[in-house]
Amino acid sequence: MAHPKHKISKSRRDKRRTHYKATAPTLATCSNCGTTVKYHTVCPECGYYRGKQVIEKEIAL
């Protein structure tokens, strides 16, 4: 195994890790009900995905 010749300081190590930036998930609007939905997921409100009903949702009475 390789061994480092010099200690890397915490600040120098952390500078190397700063390039990652957390991004918010891309959102789309549901084609059936118009609510905001995360891409590639079934709409939690109406149960539609890509124009087809995937999950049977009960209507609140």
Protein backbone atom coordinates (compact mmCIF):
# COMPACT_ATOMS: atom_id res chain seq x y z
CA MET A 1 0.00 0.00 0.00
CA ALA A 2 1.12 3.55 -0.68
CA HIS A 3 1.96 5.78 2.26
CA PRO A 4 1.77 9.59 2.11
CA LYS A 5 5.07 11.39 2.61
CA HIS A 6 3.43 14.51 4.05
CA LYS A 7 0.31 15.16 6.08
CA ILE A 8 -2.50 16.82 4.14
CA SER A 9 -4.12 19.49 6.31
CA LYS A 10 -7.86 19.44 6.93
CA SER A 11 -8.38 22.70 5.06
CA ARG A 12 -6.46 21.46 2.02
CA ARG A 13 -8.34 18.17 2.03
CA ASP A 14 -11.67 19.98 2.32
CA LYS A 15 -10.81 22.36 -0.53
CA ARG A 16 -10.51 19.38 -2.82
CA ARG A 17 -14.02 18.26 -1.89
CA THR A 18 -15.78 21.57 -2.59
CA HIS A 19 -16.65 20.87 -6.22
CA TYR A 20 -19.74 18.83 -5.35
CA LYS A 21 -22.87 20.93 -5.12
CA ALA A 22 -26.21 19.50 -4.11
CA THR A 23 -28.90 20.33 -6.66
CA ALA A 24 -32.65 20.33 -6.31
CA PRO A 25 -34.47 17.58 -8.20
CA THR A 26 -35.89 18.52 -11.60
CA LEU A 27 -39.63 19.04 -11.41
CA ALA A 28 -42.34 18.75 -14.04
CA THR A 29 -46.08 19.35 -14.09
CA CYS A 30 -48.50 16.44 -14.20
CA SER A 31 -50.25 16.27 -17.57
CA ASN A 32 -53.48 15.08 -15.92
CA CYS A 33 -53.96 17.25 -12.81
CA GLY A 34 -51.26 19.93 -13.15
CA THR A 35 -49.49 19.42 -9.82
CA THR A 36 -45.70 19.60 -9.54
CA VAL A 37 -44.11 16.15 -9.74
CA LYS A 38 -40.53 14.89 -9.67
CA TYR A 39 -39.41 13.53 -13.06
CA HIS A 40 -39.82 9.78 -13.75
CA THR A 41 -42.23 9.25 -10.85
CA VAL A 42 -45.95 8.59 -10.60
CA CYS A 43 -48.05 11.61 -9.63
CA PRO A 44 -48.94 11.25 -5.94
CA GLU A 45 -52.19 13.21 -6.41
CA CYS A 46 -53.88 11.39 -9.28
CA GLY A 47 -51.73 8.28 -9.90
CA TYR A 48 -50.91 9.04 -13.55
CA TYR A 49 -47.52 8.49 -15.22
CA ARG A 50 -46.82 9.52 -18.83
CA GLY A 51 -50.51 9.96 -19.61
CA LYS A 52 -51.64 6.56 -18.28
CA GLN A 53 -53.23 5.74 -14.95
CA VAL A 54 -50.83 3.54 -13.03
CA ILE A 55 -52.16 3.68 -9.48
CA GLU A 56 -55.84 3.56 -8.56
CA LYS A 57 -56.53 6.52 -6.24
CA GLU A 58 -59.63 6.78 -4.05
CA ILE A 59 -61.59 10.04 -4.21
CA ALA A 60 -61.98 11.70 -0.81
CA LEU A 61 -65.63 12.11 0.07
